[in-house]
mmCIF file of all heavy atoms, coordinates in Angstrom:
data_MODEL
# 
_entry.id   MODEL 
# 
loop_
_atom_site.group_PDB 
_atom_site.id 
_atom_site.type_symbol 
_atom_site.label_atom_id 
_atom_site.label_alt_id 
_atom_site.label_comp_id 
_atom_site.label_asym_id 
_atom_site.label_entity_id 
_atom_site.label_seq_id 
_atom_site.pdbx_PDB_ins_code 
_atom_site.Cartn_x 
_atom_site.Cartn_y 
_atom_site.Cartn_z 
_atom_site.occupancy 
_atom_site.B_iso_or_equiv 
_atom_site.pdbx_formal_charge 
_atom_site.auth_seq_id 
_atom_site.auth_comp_id 
_atom_site.auth_asym_id 
_atom_site.auth_atom_id 
_atom_site.pdbx_PDB_model_num 
ATOM 1   N N   . LYS A 1 1  ? -15.687 -1.970 -10.644 1.00 0.00 ? 1  LYS A N   1 
ATOM 2   C CA  . LYS A 1 1  ? -15.194 -1.471 -9.363  1.00 0.00 ? 1  LYS A CA  1 
ATOM 3   C C   . LYS A 1 1  ? -13.768 -1.920 -9.037  1.00 0.00 ? 1  LYS A C   1 
ATOM 4   O O   . LYS A 1 1  ? -13.016 -1.182 -8.401  1.00 0.00 ? 1  LYS A O   1 
ATOM 5   C CB  . LYS A 1 1  ? -16.152 -1.934 -8.249  1.00 0.00 ? 1  LYS A CB  1 
ATOM 6   C CG  . LYS A 1 1  ? -15.842 -1.351 -6.912  1.00 0.00 ? 1  LYS A CG  1 
ATOM 7   C CD  . LYS A 1 1  ? -15.905 0.173  -6.947  1.00 0.00 ? 1  LYS A CD  1 
ATOM 8   C CE  . LYS A 1 1  ? -15.382 0.747  -5.650  1.00 0.00 ? 1  LYS A CE  1 
ATOM 9   N NZ  . LYS A 1 1  ? -14.528 1.885  -5.849  1.00 0.00 ? 1  LYS A NZ  1 
ATOM 10  N N   . ILE A 1 2  ? -13.371 -3.096 -9.455  1.00 0.00 ? 2  ILE A N   1 
ATOM 11  C CA  . ILE A 1 2  ? -12.061 -3.651 -9.087  1.00 0.00 ? 2  ILE A CA  1 
ATOM 12  C C   . ILE A 1 2  ? -10.904 -2.702 -9.414  1.00 0.00 ? 2  ILE A C   1 
ATOM 13  O O   . ILE A 1 2  ? -10.040 -2.486 -8.558  1.00 0.00 ? 2  ILE A O   1 
ATOM 14  C CB  . ILE A 1 2  ? -11.862 -5.052 -9.705  1.00 0.00 ? 2  ILE A CB  1 
ATOM 15  C CG1 . ILE A 1 2  ? -12.739 -6.061 -8.966  1.00 0.00 ? 2  ILE A CG1 1 
ATOM 16  C CG2 . ILE A 1 2  ? -10.404 -5.476 -9.671  1.00 0.00 ? 2  ILE A CG2 1 
ATOM 17  C CD1 . ILE A 1 2  ? -12.806 -7.434 -9.623  1.00 0.00 ? 2  ILE A CD1 1 
ATOM 18  N N   . PRO A 1 3  ? -10.836 -2.111 -10.607 1.00 0.00 ? 3  PRO A N   1 
ATOM 19  C CA  . PRO A 1 3  ? -9.696  -1.219 -10.884 1.00 0.00 ? 3  PRO A CA  1 
ATOM 20  C C   . PRO A 1 3  ? -9.616  -0.019 -9.942  1.00 0.00 ? 3  PRO A C   1 
ATOM 21  O O   . PRO A 1 3  ? -8.526  0.406  -9.551  1.00 0.00 ? 3  PRO A O   1 
ATOM 22  C CB  . PRO A 1 3  ? -9.924  -0.757 -12.325 1.00 0.00 ? 3  PRO A CB  1 
ATOM 23  C CG  . PRO A 1 3  ? -10.807 -1.796 -12.925 1.00 0.00 ? 3  PRO A CG  1 
ATOM 24  C CD  . PRO A 1 3  ? -11.661 -2.307 -11.800 1.00 0.00 ? 3  PRO A CD  1 
ATOM 25  N N   . LEU A 1 4  ? -10.756 0.522  -9.547  1.00 0.00 ? 4  LEU A N   1 
ATOM 26  C CA  . LEU A 1 4  ? -10.750 1.671  -8.626  1.00 0.00 ? 4  LEU A CA  1 
ATOM 27  C C   . LEU A 1 4  ? -10.210 1.286  -7.253  1.00 0.00 ? 4  LEU A C   1 
ATOM 28  O O   . LEU A 1 4  ? -9.432  2.030  -6.651  1.00 0.00 ? 4  LEU A O   1 
ATOM 29  C CB  . LEU A 1 4  ? -12.159 2.256  -8.500  1.00 0.00 ? 4  LEU A CB  1 
ATOM 30  C CG  . LEU A 1 4  ? -12.706 2.891  -9.771  1.00 0.00 ? 4  LEU A CG  1 
ATOM 31  C CD1 . LEU A 1 4  ? -14.194 3.160  -9.639  1.00 0.00 ? 4  LEU A CD1 1 
ATOM 32  C CD2 . LEU A 1 4  ? -11.959 4.161  -10.086 1.00 0.00 ? 4  LEU A CD2 1 
ATOM 33  N N   . VAL A 1 5  ? -10.623 0.137  -6.768  1.00 0.00 ? 5  VAL A N   1 
ATOM 34  C CA  . VAL A 1 5  ? -10.119 -0.338 -5.476  1.00 0.00 ? 5  VAL A CA  1 
ATOM 35  C C   . VAL A 1 5  ? -8.626  -0.642 -5.591  1.00 0.00 ? 5  VAL A C   1 
ATOM 36  O O   . VAL A 1 5  ? -7.839  -0.288 -4.711  1.00 0.00 ? 5  VAL A O   1 
ATOM 37  C CB  . VAL A 1 5  ? -10.895 -1.587 -5.000  1.00 0.00 ? 5  VAL A CB  1 
ATOM 38  C CG1 . VAL A 1 5  ? -10.267 -2.187 -3.755  1.00 0.00 ? 5  VAL A CG1 1 
ATOM 39  C CG2 . VAL A 1 5  ? -12.349 -1.235 -4.744  1.00 0.00 ? 5  VAL A CG2 1 
ATOM 40  N N   . ALA A 1 6  ? -8.232  -1.283 -6.684  1.00 0.00 ? 6  ALA A N   1 
ATOM 41  C CA  . ALA A 1 6  ? -6.824  -1.639 -6.877  1.00 0.00 ? 6  ALA A CA  1 
ATOM 42  C C   . ALA A 1 6  ? -5.938  -0.396 -6.881  1.00 0.00 ? 6  ALA A C   1 
ATOM 43  O O   . ALA A 1 6  ? -4.870  -0.385 -6.248  1.00 0.00 ? 6  ALA A O   1 
ATOM 44  C CB  . ALA A 1 6  ? -6.649  -2.430 -8.176  1.00 0.00 ? 6  ALA A CB  1 
ATOM 45  N N   . VAL A 1 7  ? -6.358  0.648  -7.559  1.00 0.00 ? 7  VAL A N   1 
ATOM 46  C CA  . VAL A 1 7  ? -5.556  1.877  -7.606  1.00 0.00 ? 7  VAL A CA  1 
ATOM 47  C C   . VAL A 1 7  ? -5.442  2.502  -6.224  1.00 0.00 ? 7  VAL A C   1 
ATOM 48  O O   . VAL A 1 7  ? -4.352  2.922  -5.804  1.00 0.00 ? 7  VAL A O   1 
ATOM 49  C CB  . VAL A 1 7  ? -6.155  2.879  -8.623  1.00 0.00 ? 7  VAL A CB  1 
ATOM 50  C CG1 . VAL A 1 7  ? -5.576  4.267  -8.437  1.00 0.00 ? 7  VAL A CG1 1 
ATOM 51  C CG2 . VAL A 1 7  ? -5.912  2.401  -10.034 1.00 0.00 ? 7  VAL A CG2 1 
ATOM 52  N N   . THR A 1 8  ? -6.523  2.556  -5.497  1.00 0.00 ? 8  THR A N   1 
ATOM 53  C CA  . THR A 1 8  ? -6.505  3.146  -4.151  1.00 0.00 ? 8  THR A CA  1 
ATOM 54  C C   . THR A 1 8  ? -5.569  2.375  -3.233  1.00 0.00 ? 8  THR A C   1 
ATOM 55  O O   . THR A 1 8  ? -4.731  2.958  -2.540  1.00 0.00 ? 8  THR A O   1 
ATOM 56  C CB  . THR A 1 8  ? -7.929  3.181  -3.562  1.00 0.00 ? 8  THR A CB  1 
ATOM 57  O OG1 . THR A 1 8  ? -8.776  3.924  -4.440  1.00 0.00 ? 8  THR A OG1 1 
ATOM 58  C CG2 . THR A 1 8  ? -7.935  3.817  -2.193  1.00 0.00 ? 8  THR A CG2 1 
ATOM 59  N N   . LEU A 1 9  ? -5.683  1.049  -3.231  1.00 0.00 ? 9  LEU A N   1 
ATOM 60  C CA  . LEU A 1 9  ? -4.842  0.232  -2.350  1.00 0.00 ? 9  LEU A CA  1 
ATOM 61  C C   . LEU A 1 9  ? -3.400  0.159  -2.837  1.00 0.00 ? 9  LEU A C   1 
ATOM 62  O O   . LEU A 1 9  ? -2.476  0.025  -2.034  1.00 0.00 ? 9  LEU A O   1 
ATOM 63  C CB  . LEU A 1 9  ? -5.428  -1.168 -2.192  1.00 0.00 ? 9  LEU A CB  1 
ATOM 64  C CG  . LEU A 1 9  ? -6.412  -1.337 -1.036  1.00 0.00 ? 9  LEU A CG  1 
ATOM 65  C CD1 . LEU A 1 9  ? -5.753  -1.148 0.302   1.00 0.00 ? 9  LEU A CD1 1 
ATOM 66  C CD2 . LEU A 1 9  ? -7.612  -0.438 -1.140  1.00 0.00 ? 9  LEU A CD2 1 
ATOM 67  N N   . ARG A 1 10 ? -3.202  0.275  -4.140  1.00 0.00 ? 10 ARG A N   1 
ATOM 68  C CA  . ARG A 1 10 ? -1.829  0.307  -4.658  1.00 0.00 ? 10 ARG A CA  1 
ATOM 69  C C   . ARG A 1 10 ? -1.098  1.525  -4.109  1.00 0.00 ? 10 ARG A C   1 
ATOM 70  O O   . ARG A 1 10 ? 0.045   1.429  -3.662  1.00 0.00 ? 10 ARG A O   1 
ATOM 71  C CB  . ARG A 1 10 ? -1.835  0.341  -6.191  1.00 0.00 ? 10 ARG A CB  1 
ATOM 72  C CG  . ARG A 1 10 ? -0.434  0.428  -6.789  1.00 0.00 ? 10 ARG A CG  1 
ATOM 73  C CD  . ARG A 1 10 ? -0.453  0.441  -8.288  1.00 0.00 ? 10 ARG A CD  1 
ATOM 74  N NE  . ARG A 1 10 ? -1.067  1.653  -8.795  1.00 0.00 ? 10 ARG A NE  1 
ATOM 75  C CZ  . ARG A 1 10 ? -1.242  1.906  -10.088 1.00 0.00 ? 10 ARG A CZ  1 
ATOM 76  N NH1 . ARG A 1 10 ? -0.876  1.027  -11.006 1.00 0.00 ? 10 ARG A NH1 1 
ATOM 77  N NH2 . ARG A 1 10 ? -1.803  3.029  -10.476 1.00 0.00 ? 10 ARG A NH2 1 
ATOM 78  N N   . GLU A 1 11 ? -1.778  2.665  -4.102  1.00 0.00 ? 11 GLU A N   1 
ATOM 79  C CA  . GLU A 1 11 ? -1.160  3.879  -3.549  1.00 0.00 ? 11 GLU A CA  1 
ATOM 80  C C   . GLU A 1 11 ? -0.905  3.725  -2.055  1.00 0.00 ? 11 GLU A C   1 
ATOM 81  O O   . GLU A 1 11 ? 0.114   4.191  -1.543  1.00 0.00 ? 11 GLU A O   1 
ATOM 82  C CB  . GLU A 1 11 ? -2.028  5.108  -3.840  1.00 0.00 ? 11 GLU A CB  1 
ATOM 83  C CG  . GLU A 1 11 ? -2.159  5.413  -5.313  1.00 0.00 ? 11 GLU A CG  1 
ATOM 84  C CD  . GLU A 1 11 ? -0.829  5.480  -6.052  1.00 0.00 ? 11 GLU A CD  1 
ATOM 85  O OE1 . GLU A 1 11 ? 0.111   6.126  -5.541  1.00 0.00 ? 11 GLU A OE1 1 
ATOM 86  O OE2 . GLU A 1 11 ? -0.721  4.870  -7.125  1.00 0.00 ? 11 GLU A OE2 1 
ATOM 87  N N   . GLY A 1 12 ? -1.829  3.076  -1.357  1.00 0.00 ? 12 GLY A N   1 
ATOM 88  C CA  . GLY A 1 12 ? -1.618  2.812  0.064   1.00 0.00 ? 12 GLY A CA  1 
ATOM 89  C C   . GLY A 1 12 ? -0.432  1.898  0.305   1.00 0.00 ? 12 GLY A C   1 
ATOM 90  O O   . GLY A 1 12 ? 0.383   2.136  1.197   1.00 0.00 ? 12 GLY A O   1 
ATOM 91  N N   . ALA A 1 13 ? -0.311  0.856  -0.496  1.00 0.00 ? 13 ALA A N   1 
ATOM 92  C CA  . ALA A 1 13 ? 0.808   -0.084 -0.339  1.00 0.00 ? 13 ALA A CA  1 
ATOM 93  C C   . ALA A 1 13 ? 2.139   0.590  -0.676  1.00 0.00 ? 13 ALA A C   1 
ATOM 94  O O   . ALA A 1 13 ? 3.157   0.279  -0.059  1.00 0.00 ? 13 ALA A O   1 
ATOM 95  C CB  . ALA A 1 13 ? 0.587   -1.310 -1.221  1.00 0.00 ? 13 ALA A CB  1 
ATOM 96  N N   . ARG A 1 14 ? 2.120   1.495  -1.623  1.00 0.00 ? 14 ARG A N   1 
ATOM 97  C CA  . ARG A 1 14 ? 3.350   2.235  -1.945  1.00 0.00 ? 14 ARG A CA  1 
ATOM 98  C C   . ARG A 1 14 ? 3.772   3.142  -0.795  1.00 0.00 ? 14 ARG A C   1 
ATOM 99  O O   . ARG A 1 14 ? 4.953   3.427  -0.623  1.00 0.00 ? 14 ARG A O   1 
ATOM 100 C CB  . ARG A 1 14 ? 3.137   3.099  -3.186  1.00 0.00 ? 14 ARG A CB  1 
ATOM 101 C CG  . ARG A 1 14 ? 3.115   2.337  -4.476  1.00 0.00 ? 14 ARG A CG  1 
ATOM 102 C CD  . ARG A 1 14 ? 2.859   3.282  -5.628  1.00 0.00 ? 14 ARG A CD  1 
ATOM 103 N NE  . ARG A 1 14 ? 2.843   2.584  -6.899  1.00 0.00 ? 14 ARG A NE  1 
ATOM 104 C CZ  . ARG A 1 14 ? 2.440   3.127  -8.032  1.00 0.00 ? 14 ARG A CZ  1 
ATOM 105 N NH1 . ARG A 1 14 ? 2.019   4.378  -8.054  1.00 0.00 ? 14 ARG A NH1 1 
ATOM 106 N NH2 . ARG A 1 14 ? 2.454   2.421  -9.139  1.00 0.00 ? 14 ARG A NH2 1 
ATOM 107 N N   . ALA A 1 15 ? 2.790   3.597  -0.015  1.00 0.00 ? 15 ALA A N   1 
ATOM 108 C CA  . ALA A 1 15 ? 3.062   4.536  1.072   1.00 0.00 ? 15 ALA A CA  1 
ATOM 109 C C   . ALA A 1 15 ? 3.419   3.846  2.391   1.00 0.00 ? 15 ALA A C   1 
ATOM 110 O O   . ALA A 1 15 ? 3.676   4.517  3.387   1.00 0.00 ? 15 ALA A O   1 
ATOM 111 C CB  . ALA A 1 15 ? 1.845   5.447  1.288   1.00 0.00 ? 15 ALA A CB  1 
ATOM 112 N N   . LEU A 1 16 ? 3.441   2.509  2.407   1.00 0.00 ? 16 LEU A N   1 
ATOM 113 C CA  . LEU A 1 16 ? 3.780   1.801  3.647   1.00 0.00 ? 16 LEU A CA  1 
ATOM 114 C C   . LEU A 1 16 ? 5.175   2.199  4.118   1.00 0.00 ? 16 LEU A C   1 
ATOM 115 O O   . LEU A 1 16 ? 6.094   2.385  3.324   1.00 0.00 ? 16 LEU A O   1 
ATOM 116 C CB  . LEU A 1 16 ? 3.719   0.290  3.432   1.00 0.00 ? 16 LEU A CB  1 
ATOM 117 C CG  . LEU A 1 16 ? 2.325   -0.303 3.232   1.00 0.00 ? 16 LEU A CG  1 
ATOM 118 C CD1 . LEU A 1 16 ? 2.417   -1.784 2.909   1.00 0.00 ? 16 LEU A CD1 1 
ATOM 119 C CD2 . LEU A 1 16 ? 1.445   -0.076 4.442   1.00 0.00 ? 16 LEU A CD2 1 
ATOM 120 N N   . ASP A 1 17 ? 5.309   2.308  5.419   1.00 0.00 ? 17 ASP A N   1 
ATOM 121 C CA  . ASP A 1 17 ? 6.578   2.711  6.031   1.00 0.00 ? 17 ASP A CA  1 
ATOM 122 C C   . ASP A 1 17 ? 7.560   1.541  5.989   1.00 0.00 ? 17 ASP A C   1 
ATOM 123 O O   . ASP A 1 17 ? 7.353   0.500  6.630   1.00 0.00 ? 17 ASP A O   1 
ATOM 124 C CB  . ASP A 1 17 ? 6.312   3.144  7.474   1.00 0.00 ? 17 ASP A CB  1 
ATOM 125 C CG  . ASP A 1 17 ? 7.521   3.750  8.149   1.00 0.00 ? 17 ASP A CG  1 
ATOM 126 O OD1 . ASP A 1 17 ? 8.650   3.561  7.647   1.00 0.00 ? 17 ASP A OD1 1 
ATOM 127 O OD2 . ASP A 1 17 ? 7.337   4.416  9.181   1.00 0.00 ? 17 ASP A OD2 1 
ATOM 128 N N   . ASP A 1 18 ? 8.646   1.702  5.249   1.00 0.00 ? 18 ASP A N   1 
ATOM 129 C CA  . ASP A 1 18 ? 9.655   0.641  5.126   1.00 0.00 ? 18 ASP A CA  1 
ATOM 130 C C   . ASP A 1 18 ? 10.330  0.339  6.460   1.00 0.00 ? 18 ASP A C   1 
ATOM 131 O O   . ASP A 1 18 ? 10.758  -0.798 6.695   1.00 0.00 ? 18 ASP A O   1 
ATOM 132 C CB  . ASP A 1 18 ? 10.704  1.031  4.079   1.00 0.00 ? 18 ASP A CB  1 
ATOM 133 C CG  . ASP A 1 18 ? 10.126  1.007  2.679   1.00 0.00 ? 18 ASP A CG  1 
ATOM 134 O OD1 . ASP A 1 18 ? 9.172   0.250  2.428   1.00 0.00 ? 18 ASP A OD1 1 
ATOM 135 O OD2 . ASP A 1 18 ? 10.643  1.756  1.812   1.00 0.00 ? 18 ASP A OD2 1 
ATOM 136 N N   . ASP A 1 19 ? 10.425  1.333  7.338   1.00 0.00 ? 19 ASP A N   1 
ATOM 137 C CA  . ASP A 1 19 ? 11.034  1.096  8.646   1.00 0.00 ? 19 ASP A CA  1 
ATOM 138 C C   . ASP A 1 19 ? 10.181  0.127  9.472   1.00 0.00 ? 19 ASP A C   1 
ATOM 139 O O   . ASP A 1 19 ? 10.720  -0.738 10.165  1.00 0.00 ? 19 ASP A O   1 
ATOM 140 C CB  . ASP A 1 19 ? 11.209  2.415  9.409   1.00 0.00 ? 19 ASP A CB  1 
ATOM 141 C CG  . ASP A 1 19 ? 12.269  3.314  8.775   1.00 0.00 ? 19 ASP A CG  1 
ATOM 142 O OD1 . ASP A 1 19 ? 13.133  2.780  8.035   1.00 0.00 ? 19 ASP A OD1 1 
ATOM 143 O OD2 . ASP A 1 19 ? 12.232  4.537  9.021   1.00 0.00 ? 19 ASP A OD2 1 
ATOM 144 N N   . LEU A 1 20 ? 8.868   0.269  9.398   1.00 0.00 ? 20 LEU A N   1 
ATOM 145 C CA  . LEU A 1 20 ? 7.995   -0.657 10.118  1.00 0.00 ? 20 LEU A CA  1 
ATOM 146 C C   . LEU A 1 20 ? 8.085   -2.062 9.528   1.00 0.00 ? 20 LEU A C   1 
ATOM 147 O O   . LEU A 1 20 ? 8.008   -3.059 10.251  1.00 0.00 ? 20 LEU A O   1 
ATOM 148 C CB  . LEU A 1 20 ? 6.550   -0.162 10.105  1.00 0.00 ? 20 LEU A CB  1 
ATOM 149 C CG  . LEU A 1 20 ? 6.280   1.108  10.921  1.00 0.00 ? 20 LEU A CG  1 
ATOM 150 C CD1 . LEU A 1 20 ? 4.829   1.537  10.756  1.00 0.00 ? 20 LEU A CD1 1 
ATOM 151 C CD2 . LEU A 1 20 ? 6.609   0.889  12.383  1.00 0.00 ? 20 LEU A CD2 1 
ATOM 152 N N   . ASP A 1 21 ? 8.259   -2.133 8.224   1.00 0.00 ? 21 ASP A N   1 
ATOM 153 C CA  . ASP A 1 21 ? 8.452   -3.421 7.567   1.00 0.00 ? 21 ASP A CA  1 
ATOM 154 C C   . ASP A 1 21 ? 9.731   -4.086 8.085   1.00 0.00 ? 21 ASP A C   1 
ATOM 155 O O   . ASP A 1 21 ? 9.747   -5.281 8.383   1.00 0.00 ? 21 ASP A O   1 
ATOM 156 C CB  . ASP A 1 21 ? 8.520   -3.215 6.055   1.00 0.00 ? 21 ASP A CB  1 
ATOM 157 C CG  . ASP A 1 21 ? 8.568   -4.519 5.294   1.00 0.00 ? 21 ASP A CG  1 
ATOM 158 O OD1 . ASP A 1 21 ? 7.931   -5.495 5.727   1.00 0.00 ? 21 ASP A OD1 1 
ATOM 159 O OD2 . ASP A 1 21 ? 9.246   -4.558 4.245   1.00 0.00 ? 21 ASP A OD2 1 
ATOM 160 N N   . ALA A 1 22 ? 10.785  -3.303 8.221   1.00 0.00 ? 22 ALA A N   1 
ATOM 161 C CA  . ALA A 1 22 ? 12.057  -3.831 8.730   1.00 0.00 ? 22 ALA A CA  1 
ATOM 162 C C   . ALA A 1 22 ? 11.910  -4.307 10.171  1.00 0.00 ? 22 ALA A C   1 
ATOM 163 O O   . ALA A 1 22 ? 12.441  -5.361 10.544  1.00 0.00 ? 22 ALA A O   1 
ATOM 164 C CB  . ALA A 1 22 ? 13.145  -2.763 8.624   1.00 0.00 ? 22 ALA A CB  1 
ATOM 165 N N   . VAL A 1 23 ? 11.185  -3.558 10.985  1.00 0.00 ? 23 VAL A N   1 
ATOM 166 C CA  . VAL A 1 23 ? 10.957  -3.952 12.377  1.00 0.00 ? 23 VAL A CA  1 
ATOM 167 C C   . VAL A 1 23 ? 10.202  -5.281 12.431  1.00 0.00 ? 23 VAL A C   1 
ATOM 168 O O   . VAL A 1 23 ? 10.538  -6.166 13.221  1.00 0.00 ? 23 VAL A O   1 
ATOM 169 C CB  . VAL A 1 23 ? 10.194  -2.845 13.146  1.00 0.00 ? 23 VAL A CB  1 
ATOM 170 C CG1 . VAL A 1 23 ? 9.710   -3.350 14.502  1.00 0.00 ? 23 VAL A CG1 1 
ATOM 171 C CG2 . VAL A 1 23 ? 11.055  -1.609 13.307  1.00 0.00 ? 23 VAL A CG2 1 
ATOM 172 N N   . ALA A 1 24 ? 9.187   -5.433 11.571  1.00 0.00 ? 24 ALA A N   1 
ATOM 173 C CA  . ALA A 1 24 ? 8.424   -6.681 11.535  1.00 0.00 ? 24 ALA A CA  1 
ATOM 174 C C   . ALA A 1 24 ? 9.327   -7.858 11.181  1.00 0.00 ? 24 ALA A C   1 
ATOM 175 O O   . ALA A 1 24 ? 9.212   -8.934 11.771  1.00 0.00 ? 24 ALA A O   1 
ATOM 176 C CB  . ALA A 1 24 ? 7.279   -6.566 10.535  1.00 0.00 ? 24 ALA A CB  1 
# 
């Protein structure tokens, strides 16, 4: 199961909004 979860969350982490990261 670990690789499936990792791939899903990797795509989510790639999609994080960089502008919100900058605001933080």
